[in-house]
């Protein structure tokens, strides 16, 4: 599966060791209004202040996306920030409820950028 979108607004935080990345893919129902769903996704950054960087958009390569038409990428400074966001269930559910009836399927992948291996200095 491949989802391509124009990723405006991303700097180099994605590659910072210890940062946490959440990628979400949405497959809309046939009668869904994509602009409404994009509006809700757009509001994520405004409501979740611990997101360091955020990008979202409509897929421009539908043949390879298996029906997923909207994607987003949120970068957090670390796993703790992601956990704080996830713990605010009232706000999370508020956003989900806005689009729940328009989404057929959703994939969410979280990834922690690994820290570099520790270099041990040898004493001679």
PDB file of N, CA and C in Angstrom:
ATOM      1  N   UNK A   1       0.836  -1.172   0.000  1.00  0.00           N
ATOM      2  CA  UNK A   1       0.000   0.000   0.000  1.00  0.00           C
ATOM      3  C   UNK A   1       0.886   1.241   0.000  1.00  0.00           C
ATOM      4  N   UNK A   2       0.519   2.199  -0.813  1.00  0.00           N
ATOM      5  CA  UNK A   2       1.243   3.464  -0.877  1.00  0.00           C
ATOM      6  C   UNK A   2       0.228   4.591  -0.843  1.00  0.00           C
ATOM      7  N   UNK A   3       0.485   5.584  -0.008  1.00  0.00           N
ATOM      8  CA  UNK A   3      -0.342   6.790   0.026  1.00  0.00           C
ATOM      9  C   UNK A   3       0.595   7.964  -0.148  1.00  0.00           C
ATOM     10  N   UNK A   4       0.332   8.778  -1.150  1.00  0.00           N
ATOM     11  CA  UNK A   4       1.163   9.948  -1.438  1.00  0.00           C
ATOM     12  C   UNK A   4       0.335  11.209  -1.243  1.00  0.00           C
ATOM     13  N   UNK A   5       0.912  12.191  -0.571  1.00  0.00           N
ATOM     14  CA  UNK A   5       0.279  13.496  -0.445  1.00  0.00           C
ATOM     15  C   UNK A   5       1.371  14.542  -0.369  1.00  0.00           C
ATOM     16  N   UNK A   6       1.027  15.791  -0.633  1.00  0.00           N
ATOM     17  CA  UNK A   6       1.991  16.884  -0.558  1.00  0.00           C
ATOM     18  C   UNK A   6       2.196  17.189   0.921  1.00  0.00           C
ATOM     19  N   UNK A   7       3.401  16.979   1.413  1.00  0.00           N
ATOM     20  CA  UNK A   7       3.698  17.102   2.841  1.00  0.00           C
ATOM     21  C   UNK A   7       4.266  18.477   3.153  1.00  0.00           C
ATOM     22  N   UNK A   8       3.393  19.461   3.173  1.00  0.00           N
ATOM     23  CA  UNK A   8       3.815  20.817   3.543  1.00  0.00           C
ATOM     24  C   UNK A   8       4.039  20.903   5.052  1.00  0.00           C
ATOM     25  N   UNK A   9       4.915  21.782   5.466  1.00  0.00           N
ATOM     26  CA  UNK A   9       5.069  22.091   6.878  1.00  0.00           C
ATOM     27  C   UNK A   9       5.964  21.170   7.676  1.00  0.00           C
ATOM     28  N   UNK A  10       6.672  20.266   7.031  1.00  0.00           N
ATOM     29  CA  UNK A  10       7.561  19.388   7.780  1.00  0.00           C
ATOM     30  C   UNK A  10       8.991  19.903   7.704  1.00  0.00           C
ATOM     31  N   UNK A  11       9.652  19.904   8.851  1.00  0.00           N
ATOM     32  CA  UNK A  11      11.060  20.246   8.906  1.00  0.00           C
ATOM     33  C   UNK A  11      11.843  18.957   9.067  1.00  0.00           C
ATOM     34  N   UNK A  12      12.895  18.975   9.845  1.00  0.00           N
ATOM     35  CA  UNK A  12      13.714  17.776  10.015  1.00  0.00           C
ATOM     36  C   UNK A  12      13.486  17.068  11.344  1.00  0.00           C
ATOM     37  N   UNK A  13      12.434  17.421  12.071  1.00  0.00           N
ATOM     38  CA  UNK A  13      12.180  16.777  13.357  1.00  0.00           C
ATOM     39  C   UNK A  13      11.903  15.293  13.223  1.00  0.00           C
ATOM     40  N   UNK A  14      11.406  14.869  12.061  1.00  0.00           N
ATOM     41  CA  UNK A  14      11.087  13.457  11.877  1.00  0.00           C
ATOM     42  C   UNK A  14      12.315  12.591  12.121  1.00  0.00           C
ATOM     43  N   UNK A  15      13.471  13.104  11.791  1.00  0.00           N
ATOM     44  CA  UNK A  15      14.678  12.292  11.914  1.00  0.00           C
ATOM     45  C   UNK A  15      15.392  12.465  13.252  1.00  0.00           C
ATOM     46  N   UNK A  16      14.855  13.279  14.148  1.00  0.00           N
ATOM     47  CA  UNK A  16      15.517  13.466  15.435  1.00  0.00           C
ATOM     48  C   UNK A  16      15.396  12.206  16.281  1.00  0.00           C
ATOM     49  N   UNK A  17      16.497  11.669  16.743  1.00  0.00           N
ATOM     50  CA  UNK A  17      16.446  10.465  17.578  1.00  0.00           C
ATOM     51  C   UNK A  17      15.554  10.688  18.797  1.00  0.00           C
ATOM     52  N   UNK A  18      14.694   9.718  19.067  1.00  0.00           N
ATOM     53  CA  UNK A  18      13.788   9.800  20.194  1.00  0.00           C
ATOM     54  C   UNK A  18      12.446  10.412  19.878  1.00  0.00           C
ATOM     55  N   UNK A  19      12.333  11.083  18.720  1.00  0.00           N
ATOM     56  CA  UNK A  19      11.030  11.639  18.359  1.00  0.00           C
ATOM     57  C   UNK A  19      10.085  10.492  17.997  1.00  0.00           C
ATOM     58  N   UNK A  20       8.793  10.748  18.111  1.00  0.00           N
ATOM     59  CA  UNK A  20       7.784   9.740  17.833  1.00  0.00           C
ATOM     60  C   UNK A  20       6.911  10.227  16.693  1.00  0.00           C
ATOM     61  N   UNK A  21       6.650   9.338  15.749  1.00  0.00           N
ATOM     62  CA  UNK A  21       5.878   9.679  14.555  1.00  0.00           C
ATOM     63  C   UNK A  21       4.599   8.848  14.549  1.00  0.00           C
ATOM     64  N   UNK A  22       3.481   9.510  14.290  1.00  0.00           N
ATOM     65  CA  UNK A  22       2.210   8.800  14.103  1.00  0.00           C
ATOM     66  C   UNK A  22       1.725   9.096  12.687  1.00  0.00           C
ATOM     67  N   UNK A  23       1.565   8.034  11.896  1.00  0.00           N
ATOM     68  CA  UNK A  23       1.045   8.148  10.545  1.00  0.00           C
ATOM     69  C   UNK A  23      -0.346   7.523  10.545  1.00  0.00           C
ATOM     70  N   UNK A  24      -1.318   8.235   9.988  1.00  0.00           N
ATOM     71  CA  UNK A  24      -2.696   7.747   9.930  1.00  0.00           C
ATOM     72  C   UNK A  24      -3.178   7.755   8.490  1.00  0.00           C
ATOM     73  N   UNK A  25      -3.873   6.689   8.109  1.00  0.00           N
ATOM     74  CA  UNK A  25      -4.452   6.563   6.777  1.00  0.00           C
ATOM     75  C   UNK A  25      -5.954   6.353   6.932  1.00  0.00           C
ATOM     76  N   UNK A  26      -6.738   7.092   6.164  1.00  0.00           N
ATOM     77  CA  UNK A  26      -8.192   7.000   6.246  1.00  0.00           C
ATOM     78  C   UNK A  26      -8.778   6.525   4.925  1.00  0.00           C
ATOM     79  N   UNK A  27      -9.662   5.561   5.020  1.00  0.00           N
ATOM     80  CA  UNK A  27     -10.423   5.097   3.863  1.00  0.00           C
ATOM     81  C   UNK A  27     -11.853   5.572   4.090  1.00  0.00           C
ATOM     82  N   UNK A  28     -12.317   6.438   3.200  1.00  0.00           N
ATOM     83  CA  UNK A  28     -13.639   7.028   3.366  1.00  0.00           C
ATOM     84  C   UNK A  28     -14.723   6.137   2.776  1.00  0.00           C
ATOM     85  N   UNK A  29     -15.922   6.266   3.326  1.00  0.00           N
ATOM     86  CA  UNK A  29     -17.075   5.579   2.754  1.00  0.00           C
ATOM     87  C   UNK A  29     -17.415   6.247   1.432  1.00  0.00           C
ATOM     88  N   UNK A  30     -18.139   5.545   0.568  1.00  0.00           N
ATOM     89  CA  UNK A  30     -18.461   6.070  -0.763  1.00  0.00           C
ATOM     90  C   UNK A  30     -19.208   7.391  -0.714  1.00  0.00           C
ATOM     91  N   UNK A  31     -20.093   7.574   0.257  1.00  0.00           N
ATOM     92  CA  UNK A  31     -20.898   8.794   0.333  1.00  0.00           C
ATOM     93  C   UNK A  31     -20.267   9.873   1.216  1.00  0.00           C
ATOM     94  N   UNK A  32     -19.040   9.661   1.665  1.00  0.00           N
ATOM     95  CA  UNK A  32     -18.373  10.613   2.552  1.00  0.00           C
ATOM     96  C   UNK A  32     -18.006  11.893   1.811  1.00  0.00           C
ATOM     97  N   UNK A  33     -17.957  12.974   2.562  1.00  0.00           N
ATOM     98  CA  UNK A  33     -17.538  14.266   2.028  1.00  0.00           C
ATOM     99  C   UNK A  33     -16.090  14.490   2.463  1.00  0.00           C
ATOM    100  N   UNK A  34     -15.178  14.305   1.514  1.00  0.00           N
ATOM    101  CA  UNK A  34     -13.753  14.389   1.812  1.00  0.00           C
ATOM    102  C   UNK A  34     -13.336  15.708   2.428  1.00  0.00           C
ATOM    103  N   UNK A  35     -13.919  16.805   1.984  1.00  0.00           N
ATOM    104  CA  UNK A  35     -13.558  18.125   2.519  1.00  0.00           C
ATOM    105  C   UNK A  35     -13.911  18.248   4.000  1.00  0.00           C
ATOM    106  N   UNK A  36     -15.016  17.626   4.419  1.00  0.00           N
ATOM    107  CA  UNK A  36     -15.389  17.653   5.834  1.00  0.00           C
ATOM    108  C   UNK A  36     -14.364  16.892   6.666  1.00  0.00           C
ATOM    109  N   UNK A  37     -13.967  15.735   6.181  1.00  0.00           N
ATOM    110  CA  UNK A  37     -12.977  14.932   6.902  1.00  0.00           C
ATOM    111  C   UNK A  37     -11.649  15.677   6.944  1.00  0.00           C
ATOM    112  N   UNK A  38     -11.237  16.272   5.836  1.00  0.00           N
ATOM    113  CA  UNK A  38      -9.995  17.050   5.826  1.00  0.00           C
ATOM    114  C   UNK A  38     -10.066  18.219   6.800  1.00  0.00           C
ATOM    115  N   UNK A  39     -11.230  18.821   6.944  1.00  0.00           N
ATOM    116  CA  UNK A  39     -11.399  19.918   7.905  1.00  0.00           C
ATOM    117  C   UNK A  39     -11.164  19.462   9.338  1.00  0.00           C
ATOM    118  N   UNK A  40     -11.649  18.282   9.667  1.00  0.00           N
ATOM    119  CA  UNK A  40     -11.427  17.731  11.005  1.00  0.00           C
ATOM    120  C   UNK A  40      -9.951  17.406  11.200  1.00  0.00           C
ATOM    121  N   UNK A  41      -9.326  16.799  10.205  1.00  0.00           N
ATOM    122  CA  UNK A  41      -7.899  16.480  10.288  1.00  0.00           C
ATOM    123  C   UNK A  41      -7.089  17.768  10.433  1.00  0.00           C
ATOM    124  N   UNK A  42      -7.466  18.794   9.707  1.00  0.00           N
ATOM    125  CA  UNK A  42      -6.775  20.091   9.778  1.00  0.00           C
ATOM    126  C   UNK A  42      -6.801  20.631  11.206  1.00  0.00           C
ATOM    127  N   UNK A  43      -7.882  20.401  11.944  1.00  0.00           N
ATOM    128  CA  UNK A  43      -8.018  20.908  13.305  1.00  0.00           C
ATOM    129  C   UNK A  43      -7.208  20.162  14.347  1.00  0.00           C
ATOM    130  N   UNK A  44      -6.617  19.047  13.975  1.00  0.00           N
ATOM    131  CA  UNK A  44      -5.834  18.263  14.934  1.00  0.00           C
ATOM    132  C   UNK A  44      -4.683  19.080  15.508  1.00  0.00           C
ATOM    133  N   UNK A  45      -3.931  19.747  14.672  1.00  0.00           N
ATOM    134  CA  UNK A  45      -2.772  20.512  15.137  1.00  0.00           C
ATOM    135  C   UNK A  45      -3.194  21.619  16.100  1.00  0.00           C
ATOM    136  N   UNK A  46      -4.312  22.244  15.822  1.00  0.00           N
ATOM    137  CA  UNK A  46      -4.805  23.328  16.669  1.00  0.00           C
ATOM    138  C   UNK A  46      -5.206  22.824  18.061  1.00  0.00           C
ATOM    139  N   UNK A  47      -5.737  21.612  18.126  1.00  0.00           N
ATOM    140  CA  UNK A  47      -6.249  21.088  19.391  1.00  0.00           C
ATOM    141  C   UNK A  47      -5.262  20.248  20.178  1.00  0.00           C
ATOM    142  N   UNK A  48      -4.264  19.723  19.528  1.00  0.00           N
ATOM    143  CA  UNK A  48      -3.274  18.891  20.207  1.00  0.00           C
ATOM    144  C   UNK A  48      -1.933  19.617  20.161  1.00  0.00           C
ATOM    145  N   UNK A  49      -1.685  20.434  21.161  1.00  0.00           N
ATOM    146  CA  UNK A  49      -0.538  21.346  21.172  1.00  0.00           C
ATOM    147  C   UNK A  49       0.817  20.643  21.307  1.00  0.00           C
ATOM    148  N   UNK A  50       0.842  19.381  21.692  1.00  0.00           N
ATOM    149  CA  UNK A  50       2.120  18.678  21.855  1.00  0.00           C
ATOM    150  C   UNK A  50       2.666  18.121  20.543  1.00  0.00           C
ATOM    151  N   UNK A  51       1.945  18.327  19.449  1.00  0.00           N
ATOM    152  CA  UNK A  51       2.444  17.901  18.142  1.00  0.00           C
ATOM    153  C   UNK A  51       3.475  18.922  17.669  1.00  0.00           C
ATOM    154  N   UNK A  52       4.682  18.456  17.398  1.00  0.00           N
ATOM    155  CA  UNK A  52       5.767  19.346  16.962  1.00  0.00           C
ATOM    156  C   UNK A  52       5.627  19.735  15.495  1.00  0.00           C
ATOM    157  N   UNK A  53       5.263  18.759  14.675  1.00  0.00           N
ATOM    158  CA  UNK A  53       5.086  18.989  13.241  1.00  0.00           C
ATOM    159  C   UNK A  53       3.889  18.179  12.777  1.00  0.00           C
ATOM    160  N   UNK A  54       3.231  18.680  11.728  1.00  0.00           N
ATOM    161  CA  UNK A  54       2.025  18.006  11.263  1.00  0.00           C
ATOM    162  C   UNK A  54       1.862  18.231   9.769  1.00  0.00           C
ATOM    163  N   UNK A  55       1.509  17.170   9.079  1.00  0.00           N
ATOM    164  CA  UNK A  55       1.230  17.257   7.652  1.00  0.00           C
ATOM    165  C   UNK A  55       0.055  16.331   7.353  1.00  0.00           C
ATOM    166  N   UNK A  56      -0.780  16.741   6.422  1.00  0.00           N
ATOM    167  CA  UNK A  56      -1.906  15.907   6.027  1.00  0.00           C
ATOM    168  C   UNK A  56      -2.293  16.269   4.605  1.00  0.00           C
ATOM    169  N   UNK A  57      -3.046  15.406   3.978  1.00  0.00           N
ATOM    170  CA  UNK A  57      -3.516  15.722   2.633  1.00  0.00           C
ATOM    171  C   UNK A  57      -4.239  14.568   1.983  1.00  0.00           C
ATOM    172  N   UNK A  58      -4.760  14.868   0.815  1.00  0.00           N
ATOM    173  CA  UNK A  58      -5.443  13.853   0.022  1.00  0.00           C
ATOM    174  C   UNK A  58      -4.424  13.074  -0.789  1.00  0.00           C
ATOM    175  N   UNK A  59      -4.670  11.809  -0.917  1.00  0.00           N
ATOM    176  CA  UNK A  59      -3.802  10.923  -1.677  1.00  0.00           C
ATOM    177  C   UNK A  59      -3.872  11.272  -3.165  1.00  0.00           C
ATOM    178  N   UNK A  60      -2.718  11.391  -3.812  1.00  0.00           N
ATOM    179  CA  UNK A  60      -2.722  11.668  -5.250  1.00  0.00           C
ATOM    180  C   UNK A  60      -2.275  10.470  -6.085  1.00  0.00           C
ATOM    181  N   UNK A  61      -2.207   9.293  -5.468  1.00  0.00           N
ATOM    182  CA  UNK A  61      -1.913   8.075  -6.233  1.00  0.00           C
ATOM    183  C   UNK A  61      -2.895   6.975  -5.816  1.00  0.00           C
ATOM    184  N   UNK A  62      -4.160   7.126  -6.151  1.00  0.00           N
ATOM    185  CA  UNK A  62      -5.195   6.204  -5.647  1.00  0.00           C
ATOM    186  C   UNK A  62      -5.041   4.759  -6.104  1.00  0.00           C
ATOM    187  N   UNK A  63      -4.405   4.502  -7.223  1.00  0.00           N
ATOM    188  CA  UNK A  63      -4.292   3.128  -7.720  1.00  0.00           C
ATOM    189  C   UNK A  63      -3.487   2.235  -6.775  1.00  0.00           C
ATOM    190  N   UNK A  64      -2.557   2.802  -6.038  1.00  0.00           N
ATOM    191  CA  UNK A  64      -1.694   2.007  -5.163  1.00  0.00           C
ATOM    192  C   UNK A  64      -2.104   2.080  -3.697  1.00  0.00           C
ATOM    193  N   UNK A  65      -3.186   2.774  -3.377  1.00  0.00           N
ATOM    194  CA  UNK A  65      -3.519   3.071  -1.984  1.00  0.00           C
ATOM    195  C   UNK A  65      -4.568   2.158  -1.377  1.00  0.00           C
ATOM    196  N   UNK A  66      -5.088   1.216  -2.135  1.00  0.00           N
ATOM    197  CA  UNK A  66      -6.092   0.272  -1.629  1.00  0.00           C
ATOM    198  C   UNK A  66      -7.296   0.983  -1.009  1.00  0.00           C
ATOM    199  N   UNK A  67      -7.665   2.120  -1.604  1.00  0.00           N
ATOM    200  CA  UNK A  67      -8.848   2.842  -1.164  1.00  0.00           C
ATOM    201  C   UNK A  67      -8.614   3.892  -0.096  1.00  0.00           C
ATOM    202  N   UNK A  68      -7.411   3.983   0.450  1.00  0.00           N
ATOM    203  CA  UNK A  68      -7.126   5.001   1.464  1.00  0.00           C
ATOM    204  C   UNK A  68      -6.885   6.330   0.754  1.00  0.00           C
ATOM    205  N   UNK A  69      -7.643   7.338   1.136  1.00  0.00           N
ATOM    206  CA  UNK A  69      -7.612   8.582   0.369  1.00  0.00           C
ATOM    207  C   UNK A  69      -7.097   9.788   1.143  1.00  0.00           C
ATOM    208  N   UNK A  70      -6.963   9.686   2.459  1.00  0.00           N
ATOM    209  CA  UNK A  70      -6.450  10.796   3.264  1.00  0.00           C
ATOM    210  C   UNK A  70      -5.381  10.245   4.198  1.00  0.00           C
ATOM    211  N   UNK A  71      -4.298  11.002   4.346  1.00  0.00           N
ATOM    212  CA  UNK A  71      -3.220  10.594   5.237  1.00  0.00           C
ATOM    213  C   UNK A  71      -2.767  11.775   6.076  1.00  0.00           C
ATOM    214  N   UNK A  72      -2.224  11.467   7.240  1.00  0.00           N
ATOM    215  CA  UNK A  72      -1.632  12.514   8.078  1.00  0.00           C
ATOM    216  C   UNK A  72      -0.402  11.957   8.772  1.00  0.00           C
ATOM    217  N   UNK A  73       0.491  12.861   9.114  1.00  0.00           N
ATOM    218  CA  UNK A  73       1.717  12.507   9.814  1.00  0.00           C
ATOM    219  C   UNK A  73       1.900  13.524  10.931  1.00  0.00           C
ATOM    220  N   UNK A  74       1.954  13.045  12.162  1.00  0.00           N
ATOM    221  CA  UNK A  74       2.172  13.914  13.322  1.00  0.00           C
ATOM    222  C   UNK A  74       3.486  13.513  13.975  1.00  0.00           C
ATOM    223  N   UNK A  75       4.301  14.502  14.292  1.00  0.00           N
ATOM    224  CA  UNK A  75       5.584  14.260  14.936  1.00  0.00           C
ATOM    225  C   UNK A  75       5.532  14.831  16.348  1.00  0.00           C
ATOM    226  N   UNK A  76       5.956  14.021  17.301  1.00  0.00           N
ATOM    227  CA  UNK A  76       6.015  14.423  18.704  1.00  0.00           C
ATOM    228  C   UNK A  76       7.476  14.412  19.138  1.00  0.00           C
ATOM    229  N   UNK A  77       7.810  15.235  20.126  1.00  0.00           N
ATOM    230  CA  UNK A  77       9.194  15.284  20.609  1.00  0.00           C
ATOM    231  C   UNK A  77       9.638  13.933  21.152  1.00  0.00           C
ATOM    232  N   UNK A  78       8.703  13.176  21.702  1.00  0.00           N
ATOM    233  CA  UNK A  78       9.031  11.863  22.246  1.00  0.00           C
ATOM    234  C   UNK A  78       7.780  11.066  22.528  1.00  0.00           C
ATOM    235  N   UNK A  79       7.950   9.876  23.019  1.00  0.00           N
ATOM    236  CA  UNK A  79       6.842   8.979  23.315  1.00  0.00           C
ATOM    237  C   UNK A  79       5.948   9.536  24.428  1.00  0.00           C
ATOM    238  N   UNK A  80       6.531  10.233  25.382  1.00  0.00           N
ATOM    239  CA  UNK A  80       5.752  10.808  26.480  1.00  0.00           C
ATOM    240  C   UNK A  80       4.704  11.781  25.952  1.00  0.00           C
ATOM    241  N   UNK A  81       5.067  12.612  24.998  1.00  0.00           N
ATOM    242  CA  UNK A  81       4.123  13.585  24.435  1.00  0.00           C
ATOM    243  C   UNK A  81       2.974  12.885  23.713  1.00  0.00           C
ATOM    244  N   UNK A  82       3.279  11.822  22.989  1.00  0.00           N
ATOM    245  CA  UNK A  82       2.231  11.052  22.323  1.00  0.00           C
ATOM    246  C   UNK A  82       1.282  10.438  23.351  1.00  0.00           C
ATOM    247  N   UNK A  83       1.835   9.891  24.413  1.00  0.00           N
ATOM    248  CA  UNK A  83       1.014   9.287  25.458  1.00  0.00           C
ATOM    249  C   UNK A  83       0.123  10.319  26.142  1.00  0.00           C
ATOM    250  N   UNK A  84       0.616  11.533  26.340  1.00  0.00           N
ATOM    251  CA  UNK A  84      -0.198  12.598  26.938  1.00  0.00           C
ATOM    252  C   UNK A  84      -1.380  12.929  26.028  1.00  0.00           C
ATOM    253  N   UNK A  85      -1.124  13.034  24.738  1.00  0.00           N
ATOM    254  CA  UNK A  85      -2.198  13.311  23.777  1.00  0.00           C
ATOM    255  C   UNK A  85      -3.227  12.182  23.809  1.00  0.00           C
ATOM    256  N   UNK A  86      -2.769  10.954  23.762  1.00  0.00           N
ATOM    257  CA  UNK A  86      -3.678   9.805  23.773  1.00  0.00           C
ATOM    258  C   UNK A  86      -4.483   9.710  25.068  1.00  0.00           C
ATOM    259  N   UNK A  87      -3.928  10.207  26.161  1.00  0.00           N
ATOM    260  CA  UNK A  87      -4.621  10.112  27.450  1.00  0.00           C
ATOM    261  C   UNK A  87      -5.793  11.085  27.565  1.00  0.00           C
ATOM    262  N   UNK A  88      -5.846  12.087  26.700  1.00  0.00           N
ATOM    263  CA  UNK A  88      -6.961  13.041  26.714  1.00  0.00           C
ATOM    264  C   UNK A  88      -8.115  12.461  25.890  1.00  0.00           C
ATOM    265  N   UNK A  89      -8.754  11.415  26.426  1.00  0.00           N
ATOM    266  CA  UNK A  89      -9.777  10.683  25.687  1.00  0.00           C
ATOM    267  C   UNK A  89     -10.965  11.551  25.294  1.00  0.00           C
ATOM    268  N   UNK A  90     -11.307  12.529  26.092  1.00  0.00           N
ATOM    269  CA  UNK A  90     -12.438  13.392  25.755  1.00  0.00           C
ATOM    270  C   UNK A  90     -12.179  14.141  24.451  1.00  0.00           C
ATOM    271  N   UNK A  91     -10.999  14.712  24.306  1.00  0.00           N
ATOM    272  CA  UNK A  91     -10.659  15.447  23.082  1.00  0.00           C
ATOM    273  C   UNK A  91     -10.460  14.499  21.903  1.00  0.00           C
ATOM    274  N   UNK A  92      -9.825  13.361  22.129  1.00  0.00           N
ATOM    275  CA  UNK A  92      -9.626  12.371  21.069  1.00  0.00           C
ATOM    276  C   UNK A  92     -10.971  11.891  20.540  1.00  0.00           C
ATOM    277  N   UNK A  93     -11.868  11.537  21.437  1.00  0.00           N
ATOM    278  CA  UNK A  93     -13.197  11.055  21.023  1.00  0.00           C
ATOM    279  C   UNK A  93     -14.015  12.144  20.341  1.00  0.00           C
ATOM    280  N   UNK A  94     -13.836  13.380  20.751  1.00  0.00           N
ATOM    281  CA  UNK A  94     -14.525  14.502  20.116  1.00  0.00           C
ATOM    282  C   UNK A  94     -14.176  14.559  18.631  1.00  0.00           C
ATOM    283  N   UNK A  95     -12.898  14.412  18.305  1.00  0.00           N
ATOM    284  CA  UNK A  95     -12.466  14.439  16.904  1.00  0.00           C
ATOM    285  C   UNK A  95     -12.945  13.203  16.149  1.00  0.00           C
ATOM    286  N   UNK A  96     -12.851  12.044  16.785  1.00  0.00           N
ATOM    287  CA  UNK A  96     -13.299  10.811  16.133  1.00  0.00           C
ATOM    288  C   UNK A  96     -14.789  10.859  15.831  1.00  0.00           C
ATOM    289  N   UNK A  97     -15.575  11.376  16.776  1.00  0.00           N
ATOM    290  CA  UNK A  97     -17.030  11.419  16.596  1.00  0.00           C
ATOM    291  C   UNK A  97     -17.442  12.298  15.420  1.00  0.00           C
ATOM    292  N   UNK A  98     -16.651  13.308  15.112  1.00  0.00           N
ATOM    293  CA  UNK A  98     -16.973  14.207  14.000  1.00  0.00           C
ATOM    294  C   UNK A  98     -16.939  13.496  12.650  1.00  0.00           C
ATOM    295  N   UNK A  99     -16.112  12.468  12.520  1.00  0.00           N
ATOM    296  CA  UNK A  99     -15.927  11.814  11.212  1.00  0.00           C
ATOM    297  C   UNK A  99     -16.239  10.321  11.220  1.00  0.00           C
ATOM    298  N   UNK A 100     -16.601   9.785  12.353  1.00  0.00           N
ATOM    299  CA  UNK A 100     -16.813   8.339  12.491  1.00  0.00           C
ATOM    300  C   UNK A 100     -17.751   7.782  11.420  1.00  0.00           C
ATOM    301  N   UNK A 101     -18.821   8.488  11.105  1.00  0.00           N
ATOM    302  CA  UNK A 101     -19.805   8.007  10.129  1.00  0.00           C
ATOM    303  C   UNK A 101     -19.311   8.095   8.689  1.00  0.00           C
ATOM    304  N   UNK A 102     -18.193   8.773   8.456  1.00  0.00           N
ATOM    305  CA  UNK A 102     -17.695   8.952   7.096  1.00  0.00           C
ATOM    306  C   UNK A 102     -16.484   8.068   6.784  1.00  0.00           C
ATOM    307  N   UNK A 103     -15.973   7.378   7.794  1.00  0.00           N
ATOM    308  CA  UNK A 103     -14.766   6.572   7.612  1.00  0.00           C
ATOM    309  C   UNK A 103     -15.124   5.089   7.584  1.00  0.00           C
ATOM    310  N   UNK A 104     -14.635   4.421   6.556  1.00  0.00           N
ATOM    311  CA  UNK A 104     -14.837   2.993   6.397  1.00  0.00           C
ATOM    312  C   UNK A 104     -13.747   2.195   7.112  1.00  0.00           C
ATOM    313  N   UNK A 105     -12.508   2.713   7.093  1.00  0.00           N
ATOM    314  CA  UNK A 105     -11.385   2.014   7.688  1.00  0.00           C
ATOM    315  C   UNK A 105     -10.296   3.022   8.017  1.00  0.00           C
ATOM    316  N   UNK A 106      -9.454   2.658   8.995  1.00  0.00           N
ATOM    317  CA  UNK A 106      -8.373   3.548   9.411  1.00  0.00           C
ATOM    318  C   UNK A 106      -7.184   2.704   9.840  1.00  0.00           C
ATOM    319  N   UNK A 107      -6.006   3.130   9.436  1.00  0.00           N
ATOM    320  CA  UNK A 107      -4.765   2.491   9.881  1.00  0.00           C
ATOM    321  C   UNK A 107      -3.938   3.570  10.573  1.00  0.00           C
ATOM    322  N   UNK A 108      -3.449   3.249  11.764  1.00  0.00           N
ATOM    323  CA  UNK A 108      -2.588   4.170  12.503  1.00  0.00           C
ATOM    324  C   UNK A 108      -1.315   3.426  12.864  1.00  0.00           C
ATOM    325  N   UNK A 109      -0.176   4.028  12.533  1.00  0.00           N
ATOM    326  CA  UNK A 109       1.127   3.436  12.822  1.00  0.00           C
ATOM    327  C   UNK A 109       1.936   4.439  13.634  1.00  0.00           C
ATOM    328  N   UNK A 110       2.428   3.999  14.796  1.00  0.00           N
ATOM    329  CA  UNK A 110       3.304   4.825  15.622  1.00  0.00           C
ATOM    330  C   UNK A 110       4.718   4.275  15.513  1.00  0.00           C
ATOM    331  N   UNK A 111       5.681   5.182  15.482  1.00  0.00           N
ATOM    332  CA  UNK A 111       7.076   4.780  15.325  1.00  0.00           C
ATOM    333  C   UNK A 111       7.957   5.715  16.145  1.00  0.00           C
ATOM    334  N   UNK A 112       8.836   5.149  16.936  1.00  0.00           N
ATOM    335  CA  UNK A 112       9.810   5.941  17.683  1.00  0.00           C
ATOM    336  C   UNK A 112      11.124   5.887  16.924  1.00  0.00           C
ATOM    337  N   UNK A 113      11.644   7.062  16.576  1.00  0.00           N
ATOM    338  CA  UNK A 113      12.938   7.121  15.878  1.00  0.00           C
ATOM    339  C   UNK A 113      14.007   6.657  16.860  1.00  0.00           C
ATOM    340  N   UNK A 114      14.749   5.610  16.500  1.00  0.00           N
ATOM    341  CA  UNK A 114      15.707   5.038  17.454  1.00  0.00           C
ATOM    342  C   UNK A 114      16.822   6.012  17.831  1.00  0.00           C
ATOM    343  N   UNK A 115      17.258   5.864  19.058  1.00  0.00           N
ATOM    344  CA  UNK A 115      18.418   6.623  19.522  1.00  0.00           C
ATOM    345  C   UNK A 115      19.661   5.981  18.930  1.00  0.00           C
ATOM    346  N   UNK A 116      20.691   6.770  18.678  1.00  0.00           N
ATOM    347  CA  UNK A 116      21.928   6.159  18.153  1.00  0.00           C
ATOM    348  C   UNK A 116      22.534   5.230  19.191  1.00  0.00           C
ATOM    349  N   UNK A 117      23.241   4.201  18.731  1.00  0.00           N
ATOM    350  CA  UNK A 117      23.870   3.275  19.681  1.00  0.00           C
ATOM    351  C   UNK A 117      24.896   4.002  20.537  1.00  0.00           C
ATOM    352  N   UNK A 118      24.979   3.573  21.775  1.00  0.00           N
ATOM    353  CA  UNK A 118      25.966   4.171  22.665  1.00  0.00           C
ATOM    354  C   UNK A 118      27.364   3.756  22.250  1.00  0.00           C
ATOM    355  N   UNK A 119      28.231   4.698  22.193  1.00  0.00           N
ATOM    356  CA  UNK A 119      29.625   4.408  21.852  1.00  0.00           C
ATOM    357  C   UNK A 119      30.395   4.354  23.165  1.00  0.00           C
ATOM    358  N   UNK A 120      30.943   3.212  23.458  1.00  0.00           N
ATOM    359  CA  UNK A 120      31.707   3.078  24.689  1.00  0.00           C
ATOM    360  C   UNK A 120      33.177   3.305  24.379  1.00  0.00           C
ATOM    361  N   UNK A 121      33.783   4.145  25.162  1.00  0.00           N
ATOM    362  CA  UNK A 121      35.204   4.391  24.958  1.00  0.00           C
ATOM    363  C   UNK A 121      36.013   3.337  25.724  1.00  0.00           C
ATOM    364  N   UNK A 122      37.012   2.828  25.088  1.00  0.00           N
ATOM    365  CA  UNK A 122      37.853   1.799  25.695  1.00  0.00           C
ATOM    366  C   UNK A 122      39.008   2.451  26.436  1.00  0.00           C
ATOM    367  N   UNK A 123      39.277   1.952  27.609  1.00  0.00           N
ATOM    368  CA  UNK A 123      40.432   2.467  28.372  1.00  0.00           C
ATOM    369  C   UNK A 123      41.613   1.520  28.115  1.00  0.00           C
ATOM    370  N   UNK A 124      42.687   2.087  27.698  1.00  0.00           N
ATOM    371  CA  UNK A 124      43.904   1.288  27.455  1.00  0.00           C
ATOM    372  C   UNK A 124      44.927   1.539  28.494  1.00  0.00           C
TER     373      UNK A 124
END
